[in-house]
Amino acid sequence: MRNYIRLSLAILLVLALAFGAVACGGGDAEQTEAEGDASEKILVGTDTSFVPFGFEEDGEYKGFDIDMLEEFAKELGFEYELMPMDFKGLVPALQTGNVDIVLAGMTITEDREEVVDFATPYYDSGLIIMVNSEEDGIEGIEDLDGKIVATKLGTTSVTFCESIEGLKELKQFDNIDGAYFELQKGGADAVIFDAPAILYYIKTEGGDKVKTVGPIYEGQQYGIAFPKGSEFREEIDEVLVAMMEDGRYDEIYEKWFGQRPDTE
């Protein structure tokens, strides 16, 4: 009898251990599945200091690029996570696989096309000069000889400024707000940067303290960037082209720039 009881207890113990192992295994499977779901989110590299394309306000990300991204996610049915970072880190993040897509007002250049793929250009831009409103000696790049110019680090405006002969100094800032402040405090004679960003700044904050001079230089186009060979590029491209044809793109454009894009 005593041996029977011992045998029964042993069987119960084995069953309990087996049940526990199955339960633990099920928990791991659920955790793995949950982690798998989370990993399916599209990681989007962006620059949240590039008003009005991407910026943070009251703890919320807003802007032209953010609205475009929302439309892509809705159309293709994916979830995404924004990965804000310095502009200069966006291309390396694509190359290392830390992000799946970059939507950050990035100018399409030959150098960038060698290492990343771009969708159809989604914004026509260029560079423009901004000076203090009382400045009357600068009307174009030909007047920047001996002057101090401020711009944003890692952007095409740096390359353009470095080609201007006679500059006294080129000051580069992590955020373009730093360049704007440098101009207003007298530490720079001019700011050279993307026209839409400067025009939006004058409209919303600069007021009558600053003005633009000269033409728009270096006609440029912004593109959505992907790692080389990404199949996701084609999906986004199809939606982007459809948005441009059915009016959704025009509505987002007008919301942020006050007018419909010039299609001529």
C-alpha atoms as a PDB file:
ATOM      1  CA  MET A   1       0.000   0.000   0.000  1.00  0.00           C
ATOM      2  CA  ARG A   2       2.772   2.340   0.955  1.00  0.00           C
ATOM      3  CA  ASN A   3       4.542   1.617  -2.327  1.00  0.00           C
ATOM      4  CA  TYR A   4       1.329   2.342  -4.221  1.00  0.00           C
ATOM      5  CA  ILE A   5       1.019   5.749  -2.561  1.00  0.00           C
ATOM      6  CA  ARG A   6       4.627   6.554  -3.377  1.00  0.00           C
ATOM      7  CA  LEU A   7       4.071   5.551  -6.997  1.00  0.00           C
ATOM      8  CA  SER A   8       0.936   7.705  -7.232  1.00  0.00           C
ATOM      9  CA  LEU A   9       2.732  10.716  -5.795  1.00  0.00           C
ATOM     10  CA  ALA A  10       5.585  10.244  -8.233  1.00  0.00           C
ATOM     11  CA  ILE A  11       3.168  10.112 -11.160  1.00  0.00           C
ATOM     12  CA  LEU A  12       1.396  13.265  -9.937  1.00  0.00           C
ATOM     13  CA  LEU A  13       4.752  15.037  -9.586  1.00  0.00           C
ATOM     14  CA  VAL A  14       5.781  14.135 -13.151  1.00  0.00           C
ATOM     15  CA  LEU A  15       2.423  15.321 -14.477  1.00  0.00           C
ATOM     16  CA  ALA A  16       2.710  18.591 -12.553  1.00  0.00           C
ATOM     17  CA  LEU A  17       6.196  19.239 -13.922  1.00  0.00           C
ATOM     18  CA  ALA A  18       5.071  18.417 -17.442  1.00  0.00           C
ATOM     19  CA  PHE A  19       2.065  20.743 -17.147  1.00  0.00           C
ATOM     20  CA  GLY A  20       4.288  23.505 -15.819  1.00  0.00           C
ATOM     21  CA  ALA A  21       6.691  23.090 -18.712  1.00  0.00           C
ATOM     22  CA  VAL A  22       3.846  23.283 -21.213  1.00  0.00           C
ATOM     23  CA  ALA A  23       2.452  26.360 -19.485  1.00  0.00           C
ATOM     24  CA  CYS A  24       5.839  28.054 -19.527  1.00  0.00           C
ATOM     25  CA  GLY A  25       6.344  27.082 -23.150  1.00  0.00           C
ATOM     26  CA  GLY A  26       2.975  28.564 -24.047  1.00  0.00           C
ATOM     27  CA  GLY A  27       3.935  31.814 -22.319  1.00  0.00           C
ATOM     28  CA  ASP A  28       7.149  32.025 -24.328  1.00  0.00           C
ATOM     29  CA  ALA A  29       5.218  31.426 -27.528  1.00  0.00           C
ATOM     30  CA  GLU A  30       2.783  34.212 -26.676  1.00  0.00           C
ATOM     31  CA  GLN A  31       5.657  36.532 -25.826  1.00  0.00           C
ATOM     32  CA  THR A  32       7.454  35.659 -29.057  1.00  0.00           C
ATOM     33  CA  GLU A  33       4.272  36.258 -31.026  1.00  0.00           C
ATOM     34  CA  ALA A  34       3.778  39.626 -29.343  1.00  0.00           C
ATOM     35  CA  GLU A  35       7.380  40.577 -30.039  1.00  0.00           C
ATOM     36  CA  GLY A  36       6.897  39.503 -33.647  1.00  0.00           C
ATOM     37  CA  ASP A  37       3.850  41.755 -33.986  1.00  0.00           C
ATOM     38  CA  ALA A  38       5.786  44.691 -32.545  1.00  0.00           C
ATOM     39  CA  SER A  39       8.702  44.082 -34.908  1.00  0.00           C
ATOM     40  CA  GLU A  40       6.379  44.332 -37.903  1.00  0.00           C
ATOM     41  CA  LYS A  41       5.962  48.053 -37.347  1.00  0.00           C
ATOM     42  CA  ILE A  42       7.582  50.159 -40.046  1.00  0.00           C
ATOM     43  CA  LEU A  43      10.419  52.207 -38.531  1.00  0.00           C
ATOM     44  CA  VAL A  44      10.420  55.682 -40.044  1.00  0.00           C
ATOM     45  CA  GLY A  45      13.462  57.919 -39.730  1.00  0.00           C
ATOM     46  CA  THR A  46      12.548  61.586 -39.575  1.00  0.00           C
ATOM     47  CA  ASP A  47      13.939  64.976 -38.637  1.00  0.00           C
ATOM     48  CA  THR A  48      11.542  66.676 -36.238  1.00  0.00           C
ATOM     49  CA  SER A  49      13.334  70.013 -36.415  1.00  0.00           C
ATOM     50  CA  PHE A  50      12.440  70.685 -40.052  1.00  0.00           C
ATOM     51  CA  VAL A  51       9.369  72.917 -39.874  1.00  0.00           C
ATOM     52  CA  PRO A  52       6.863  72.613 -41.533  1.00  0.00           C
ATOM     53  CA  PHE A  53       7.739  69.131 -42.810  1.00  0.00           C
ATOM     54  CA  GLY A  54       8.241  67.522 -39.437  1.00  0.00           C
ATOM     55  CA  PHE A  55       8.220  68.993 -35.954  1.00  0.00           C
ATOM     56  CA  GLU A  56       7.030  68.334 -32.414  1.00  0.00           C
ATOM     57  CA  GLU A  57       4.372  70.518 -30.826  1.00  0.00           C
ATOM     58  CA  ASP A  58       2.721  69.882 -27.453  1.00  0.00           C
ATOM     59  CA  GLY A  59       4.130  66.361 -27.409  1.00  0.00           C
ATOM     60  CA  GLU A  60       2.711  65.512 -30.839  1.00  0.00           C
ATOM     61  CA  TYR A  61       4.517  65.101 -34.153  1.00  0.00           C
ATOM     62  CA  LYS A  62       3.064  67.238 -36.925  1.00  0.00           C
ATOM     63  CA  GLY A  63       3.902  68.486 -40.389  1.00  0.00           C
ATOM     64  CA  PHE A  64       3.628  67.911 -44.110  1.00  0.00           C
ATOM     65  CA  ASP A  65       5.740  64.735 -44.011  1.00  0.00           C
ATOM     66  CA  ILE A  66       3.802  63.355 -41.044  1.00  0.00           C
ATOM     67  CA  ASP A  67       0.469  63.842 -42.834  1.00  0.00           C
ATOM     68  CA  MET A  68       1.891  62.128 -45.923  1.00  0.00           C
ATOM     69  CA  LEU A  69       3.066  59.212 -43.777  1.00  0.00           C
ATOM     70  CA  GLU A  70      -0.381  58.891 -42.190  1.00  0.00           C
ATOM     71  CA  GLU A  71      -1.917  58.591 -45.645  1.00  0.00           C
ATOM     72  CA  PHE A  72       0.589  55.899 -46.674  1.00  0.00           C
ATOM     73  CA  ALA A  73      -0.123  53.913 -43.498  1.00  0.00           C
ATOM     74  CA  LYS A  74      -3.870  54.157 -44.010  1.00  0.00           C
ATOM     75  CA  GLU A  75      -3.681  53.095 -47.656  1.00  0.00           C
ATOM     76  CA  LEU A  76      -1.266  50.190 -47.138  1.00  0.00           C
ATOM     77  CA  GLY A  77      -2.556  49.127 -43.720  1.00  0.00           C
ATOM     78  CA  PHE A  78       0.675  49.250 -41.737  1.00  0.00           C
ATOM     79  CA  GLU A  79       1.604  50.583 -38.319  1.00  0.00           C
ATOM     80  CA  TYR A  80       4.702  52.694 -37.919  1.00  0.00           C
ATOM     81  CA  GLU A  81       7.016  54.095 -35.297  1.00  0.00           C
ATOM     82  CA  LEU A  82       8.754  57.427 -35.775  1.00  0.00           C
ATOM     83  CA  MET A  83      12.489  57.421 -35.133  1.00  0.00           C
ATOM     84  CA  PRO A  84      13.496  61.102 -34.729  1.00  0.00           C
ATOM     85  CA  MET A  85      17.209  61.758 -35.221  1.00  0.00           C
ATOM     86  CA  ASP A  86      19.679  64.338 -36.471  1.00  0.00           C
ATOM     87  CA  PHE A  87      19.426  64.751 -40.232  1.00  0.00           C
ATOM     88  CA  LYS A  88      23.023  63.641 -40.763  1.00  0.00           C
ATOM     89  CA  GLY A  89      22.198  60.264 -39.218  1.00  0.00           C
ATOM     90  CA  LEU A  90      19.275  59.392 -41.505  1.00  0.00           C
ATOM     91  CA  VAL A  91      21.145  57.871 -44.465  1.00  0.00           C
ATOM     92  CA  PRO A  92      23.447  55.795 -42.206  1.00  0.00           C
ATOM     93  CA  ALA A  93      20.333  54.550 -40.373  1.00  0.00           C
ATOM     94  CA  LEU A  94      18.951  53.270 -43.683  1.00  0.00           C
ATOM     95  CA  GLN A  95      22.235  51.633 -44.605  1.00  0.00           C
ATOM     96  CA  THR A  96      22.505  49.804 -41.275  1.00  0.00           C
ATOM     97  CA  GLY A  97      18.864  48.687 -41.281  1.00  0.00           C
ATOM     98  CA  ASN A  98      17.917  50.717 -38.213  1.00  0.00           C
ATOM     99  CA  VAL A  99      15.010  52.274 -40.121  1.00  0.00           C
ATOM    100  CA  ASP A 100      12.890  51.028 -43.028  1.00  0.00           C
ATOM    101  CA  ILE A 101      12.120  54.383 -44.601  1.00  0.00           C
ATOM    102  CA  VAL A 102      13.195  58.026 -44.298  1.00  0.00           C
ATOM    103  CA  LEU A 103      10.656  60.791 -44.744  1.00  0.00           C
ATOM    104  CA  ALA A 104      12.365  64.031 -43.784  1.00  0.00           C
ATOM    105  CA  GLY A 105      12.436  66.535 -46.634  1.00  0.00           C
ATOM    106  CA  MET A 106      15.553  64.847 -47.983  1.00  0.00           C
ATOM    107  CA  THR A 107      16.959  66.288 -51.198  1.00  0.00           C
ATOM    108  CA  ILE A 108      17.633  63.729 -53.909  1.00  0.00           C
ATOM    109  CA  THR A 109      21.303  63.921 -54.881  1.00  0.00           C
ATOM    110  CA  GLU A 110      23.585  61.712 -56.968  1.00  0.00           C
ATOM    111  CA  ASP A 111      25.698  60.880 -53.919  1.00  0.00           C
ATOM    112  CA  ARG A 112      22.664  59.761 -51.925  1.00  0.00           C
ATOM    113  CA  GLU A 113      21.268  57.773 -54.859  1.00  0.00           C
ATOM    114  CA  GLU A 114      24.440  55.688 -54.794  1.00  0.00           C
ATOM    115  CA  VAL A 115      23.642  54.336 -51.320  1.00  0.00           C
ATOM    116  CA  VAL A 116      19.822  54.535 -50.961  1.00  0.00           C
ATOM    117  CA  ASP A 117      16.772  54.289 -53.225  1.00  0.00           C
ATOM    118  CA  PHE A 118      14.225  57.088 -53.644  1.00  0.00           C
ATOM    119  CA  ALA A 119      10.542  57.035 -54.527  1.00  0.00           C
ATOM    120  CA  THR A 120       9.047  59.540 -56.979  1.00  0.00           C
ATOM    121  CA  PRO A 121      10.032  63.122 -55.933  1.00  0.00           C
ATOM    122  CA  TYR A 122       7.286  64.598 -53.777  1.00  0.00           C
ATOM    123  CA  TYR A 123       8.316  68.237 -53.322  1.00  0.00           C
ATOM    124  CA  ASP A 124      10.094  70.815 -55.519  1.00  0.00           C
ATOM    125  CA  SER A 125      12.392  73.030 -53.514  1.00  0.00           C
ATOM    126  CA  GLY A 126      15.589  75.084 -53.619  1.00  0.00           C
ATOM    127  CA  LEU A 127      17.803  77.229 -51.401  1.00  0.00           C
ATOM    128  CA  ILE A 128      17.173  80.826 -50.440  1.00  0.00           C
ATOM    129  CA  ILE A 129      19.013  83.563 -48.525  1.00  0.00           C
ATOM    130  CA  MET A 130      17.522  85.120 -45.401  1.00  0.00           C
ATOM    131  CA  VAL A 131      18.914  88.274 -43.774  1.00  0.00           C
ATOM    132  CA  ASN A 132      17.835  90.671 -41.045  1.00  0.00           C
ATOM    133  CA  SER A 133      15.166  93.084 -42.244  1.00  0.00           C
ATOM    134  CA  GLU A 134      17.427  96.138 -41.913  1.00  0.00           C
ATOM    135  CA  GLU A 135      20.159  94.548 -44.082  1.00  0.00           C
ATOM    136  CA  ASP A 136      20.495  96.422 -47.385  1.00  0.00           C
ATOM    137  CA  GLY A 137      23.937  95.295 -48.544  1.00  0.00           C
ATOM    138  CA  ILE A 138      23.082  91.699 -49.439  1.00  0.00           C
ATOM    139  CA  GLU A 139      20.927  90.997 -52.471  1.00  0.00           C
ATOM    140  CA  GLY A 140      22.391  87.670 -53.612  1.00  0.00           C
ATOM    141  CA  ILE A 141      25.328  85.293 -53.215  1.00  0.00           C
ATOM    142  CA  GLU A 142      27.586  87.766 -55.010  1.00  0.00           C
ATOM    143  CA  ASP A 143      27.282  90.036 -51.950  1.00  0.00           C
ATOM    144  CA  LEU A 144      28.428  87.404 -49.428  1.00  0.00           C
ATOM    145  CA  ASP A 145      32.143  88.061 -49.880  1.00  0.00           C
ATOM    146  CA  GLY A 146      33.634  88.553 -46.402  1.00  0.00           C
ATOM    147  CA  LYS A 147      30.340  87.604 -44.722  1.00  0.00           C
ATOM    148  CA  ILE A 148      29.386  84.979 -42.147  1.00  0.00           C
ATOM    149  CA  VAL A 149      26.698  82.521 -43.255  1.00  0.00           C
ATOM    150  CA  ALA A 150      24.788  80.086 -41.057  1.00  0.00           C
ATOM    151  CA  THR A 151      23.031  76.872 -42.103  1.00  0.00           C
ATOM    152  CA  LYS A 152      22.175  73.352 -40.960  1.00  0.00           C
ATOM    153  CA  LEU A 153      24.788  70.634 -40.606  1.00  0.00           C
ATOM    154  CA  GLY A 154      24.658  67.696 -43.021  1.00  0.00           C
ATOM    155  CA  THR A 155      22.347  69.280 -45.606  1.00  0.00           C
ATOM    156  CA  THR A 156      22.786  70.225 -49.257  1.00  0.00           C
ATOM    157  CA  SER A 157      22.917  73.871 -48.187  1.00  0.00           C
ATOM    158  CA  VAL A 158      26.341  73.150 -46.675  1.00  0.00           C
ATOM    159  CA  THR A 159      27.683  71.964 -50.039  1.00  0.00           C
ATOM    160  CA  PHE A 160      26.204  75.014 -51.747  1.00  0.00           C
ATOM    161  CA  CYS A 161      27.660  77.435 -49.188  1.00  0.00           C
ATOM    162  CA  GLU A 162      31.094  75.831 -49.461  1.00  0.00           C
ATOM    163  CA  SER A 163      31.048  76.664 -53.177  1.00  0.00           C
ATOM    164  CA  ILE A 164      30.563  80.402 -52.515  1.00  0.00           C
ATOM    165  CA  GLU A 165      33.849  82.214 -52.898  1.00  0.00           C
ATOM    166  CA  GLY A 166      35.031  84.688 -50.288  1.00  0.00           C
ATOM    167  CA  LEU A 167      32.907  83.627 -47.307  1.00  0.00           C
ATOM    168  CA  LYS A 168      34.474  84.723 -44.065  1.00  0.00           C
ATOM    169  CA  GLU A 169      32.971  81.801 -42.153  1.00  0.00           C
ATOM    170  CA  LEU A 170      30.345  79.089 -42.527  1.00  0.00           C
ATOM    171  CA  LYS A 171      28.608  78.250 -39.254  1.00  0.00           C
ATOM    172  CA  GLN A 172      26.792  74.906 -39.134  1.00  0.00           C
ATOM    173  CA  PHE A 173      24.141  73.988 -36.568  1.00  0.00           C
ATOM    174  CA  ASP A 174      22.504  70.684 -35.669  1.00  0.00           C
ATOM    175  CA  ASN A 175      19.093  72.365 -35.978  1.00  0.00           C
ATOM    176  CA  ILE A 176      18.194  75.194 -38.339  1.00  0.00           C
ATOM    177  CA  ASP A 177      16.689  77.084 -35.387  1.00  0.00           C
ATOM    178  CA  GLY A 178      20.272  77.595 -34.222  1.00  0.00           C
ATOM    179  CA  ALA A 179      21.106  79.304 -37.517  1.00  0.00           C
ATOM    180  CA  TYR A 180      18.023  81.532 -37.268  1.00  0.00           C
ATOM    181  CA  PHE A 181      19.012  82.566 -33.745  1.00  0.00           C
ATOM    182  CA  GLU A 182      22.603  83.206 -34.820  1.00  0.00           C
ATOM    183  CA  LEU A 183      21.354  85.611 -37.499  1.00  0.00           C
ATOM    184  CA  GLN A 184      19.070  87.500 -35.130  1.00  0.00           C
ATOM    185  CA  LYS A 185      21.724  87.948 -32.439  1.00  0.00           C
ATOM    186  CA  GLY A 186      24.219  89.272 -35.002  1.00  0.00           C
ATOM    187  CA  GLY A 187      26.512  86.250 -35.131  1.00  0.00           C
ATOM    188  CA  ALA A 188      25.827  85.717 -38.837  1.00  0.00           C
ATOM    189  CA  ASP A 189      25.117  88.016 -41.768  1.00  0.00           C
ATOM    190  CA  ALA A 190      22.824  85.579 -43.568  1.00  0.00           C
ATOM    191  CA  VAL A 191      21.186  82.164 -43.407  1.00  0.00           C
ATOM    192  CA  ILE A 192      21.045  79.918 -46.457  1.00  0.00           C
ATOM    193  CA  PHE A 193      18.626  77.005 -46.281  1.00  0.00           C
ATOM    194  CA  ASP A 194      15.665  75.282 -47.958  1.00  0.00           C
ATOM    195  CA  ALA A 195      13.160  77.823 -49.246  1.00  0.00           C
ATOM    196  CA  PRO A 196       9.969  76.249 -47.779  1.00  0.00           C
ATOM    197  CA  ALA A 197      11.459  76.073 -44.296  1.00  0.00           C
ATOM    198  CA  ILE A 198      12.658  79.685 -44.363  1.00  0.00           C
ATOM    199  CA  LEU A 199       9.400  81.009 -45.826  1.00  0.00           C
ATOM    200  CA  TYR A 200       7.386  79.144 -43.180  1.00  0.00           C
ATOM    201  CA  TYR A 201       9.643  80.540 -40.442  1.00  0.00           C
ATOM    202  CA  ILE A 202       9.145  84.105 -41.672  1.00  0.00           C
ATOM    203  CA  LYS A 203       5.386  83.542 -41.870  1.00  0.00           C
ATOM    204  CA  THR A 204       5.015  82.059 -38.381  1.00  0.00           C
ATOM    205  CA  GLU A 205       7.852  83.438 -36.235  1.00  0.00           C
ATOM    206  CA  GLY A 206      10.281  85.707 -38.040  1.00  0.00           C
ATOM    207  CA  GLY A 207       7.723  88.351 -38.888  1.00  0.00           C
ATOM    208  CA  ASP A 208       9.229  91.696 -39.835  1.00  0.00           C
ATOM    209  CA  LYS A 209      12.575  90.868 -38.192  1.00  0.00           C
ATOM    210  CA  VAL A 210      13.921  88.988 -41.220  1.00  0.00           C
ATOM    211  CA  LYS A 211      13.452  88.864 -44.991  1.00  0.00           C
ATOM    212  CA  THR A 212      14.565  86.858 -48.020  1.00  0.00           C
ATOM    213  CA  VAL A 213      16.760  88.266 -50.777  1.00  0.00           C
ATOM    214  CA  GLY A 214      17.748  87.067 -54.221  1.00  0.00           C
ATOM    215  CA  PRO A 215      16.334  84.156 -56.230  1.00  0.00           C
ATOM    216  CA  ILE A 216      15.883  80.509 -55.290  1.00  0.00           C
ATOM    217  CA  TYR A 217      19.151  78.686 -55.904  1.00  0.00           C
ATOM    218  CA  GLU A 218      19.897  75.056 -56.729  1.00  0.00           C
ATOM    219  CA  GLY A 219      16.519  73.745 -57.842  1.00  0.00           C
ATOM    220  CA  GLN A 220      16.002  70.609 -55.776  1.00  0.00           C
ATOM    221  CA  GLN A 221      13.509  67.821 -55.229  1.00  0.00           C
ATOM    222  CA  TYR A 222      12.711  66.013 -51.994  1.00  0.00           C
ATOM    223  CA  GLY A 223      12.358  62.236 -52.009  1.00  0.00           C
ATOM    224  CA  ILE A 224      11.291  59.434 -49.677  1.00  0.00           C
ATOM    225  CA  ALA A 225      14.348  57.227 -49.103  1.00  0.00           C
ATOM    226  CA  PHE A 226      14.663  53.450 -48.643  1.00  0.00           C
ATOM    227  CA  PRO A 227      17.465  50.926 -48.219  1.00  0.00           C
ATOM    228  CA  LYS A 228      18.872  49.706 -51.535  1.00  0.00           C
ATOM    229  CA  GLY A 229      16.607  47.076 -53.066  1.00  0.00           C
ATOM    230  CA  SER A 230      13.688  47.628 -50.684  1.00  0.00           C
ATOM    231  CA  GLU A 231      10.441  46.172 -52.051  1.00  0.00           C
ATOM    232  CA  PHE A 232       8.562  48.616 -49.830  1.00  0.00           C
ATOM    233  CA  ARG A 233       9.698  51.471 -52.084  1.00  0.00           C
ATOM    234  CA  GLU A 234       7.451  50.328 -54.927  1.00  0.00           C
ATOM    235  CA  GLU A 235       4.403  50.078 -52.653  1.00  0.00           C
ATOM    236  CA  ILE A 236       4.897  53.588 -51.283  1.00  0.00           C
ATOM    237  CA  ASP A 237       5.588  54.920 -54.766  1.00  0.00           C
ATOM    238  CA  GLU A 238       2.292  53.581 -56.098  1.00  0.00           C
ATOM    239  CA  VAL A 239       0.346  55.271 -53.293  1.00  0.00           C
ATOM    240  CA  LEU A 240       2.277  58.533 -53.731  1.00  0.00           C
ATOM    241  CA  VAL A 241       1.527  58.696 -57.447  1.00  0.00           C
ATOM    242  CA  ALA A 242      -2.150  57.894 -56.780  1.00  0.00           C
ATOM    243  CA  MET A 243      -2.314  60.699 -54.183  1.00  0.00           C
ATOM    244  CA  MET A 244      -0.912  63.169 -56.673  1.00  0.00           C
ATOM    245  CA  GLU A 245      -3.524  62.140 -59.213  1.00  0.00           C
ATOM    246  CA  ASP A 246      -6.632  62.045 -56.986  1.00  0.00           C
ATOM    247  CA  GLY A 247      -6.084  65.314 -55.096  1.00  0.00           C
ATOM    248  CA  ARG A 248      -5.094  64.003 -51.667  1.00  0.00           C
ATOM    249  CA  TYR A 249      -1.543  65.315 -52.106  1.00  0.00           C
ATOM    250  CA  ASP A 250      -2.859  68.768 -53.087  1.00  0.00           C
ATOM    251  CA  GLU A 251      -5.001  68.932 -49.934  1.00  0.00           C
ATOM    252  CA  ILE A 252      -2.058  68.155 -47.650  1.00  0.00           C
ATOM    253  CA  TYR A 253       0.149  70.607 -49.546  1.00  0.00           C
ATOM    254  CA  GLU A 254      -2.420  73.413 -49.205  1.00  0.00           C
ATOM    255  CA  LYS A 255      -2.845  72.715 -45.492  1.00  0.00           C
ATOM    256  CA  TRP A 256       0.834  73.420 -44.799  1.00  0.00           C
ATOM    257  CA  PHE A 257       1.812  75.922 -47.490  1.00  0.00           C
ATOM    258  CA  GLY A 258      -1.389  77.877 -47.971  1.00  0.00           C
ATOM    259  CA  GLN A 259      -1.743  77.134 -51.667  1.00  0.00           C
ATOM    260  CA  ARG A 260      -1.921  74.260 -54.106  1.00  0.00           C
ATOM    261  CA  PRO A 261       1.352  73.143 -55.737  1.00  0.00           C
ATOM    262  CA  ASP A 262       2.385  74.778 -58.992  1.00  0.00           C
ATOM    263  CA  THR A 263       1.977  72.079 -61.627  1.00  0.00           C
ATOM    264  CA  GLU A 264       3.337  74.123 -64.540  1.00  0.00           C
END
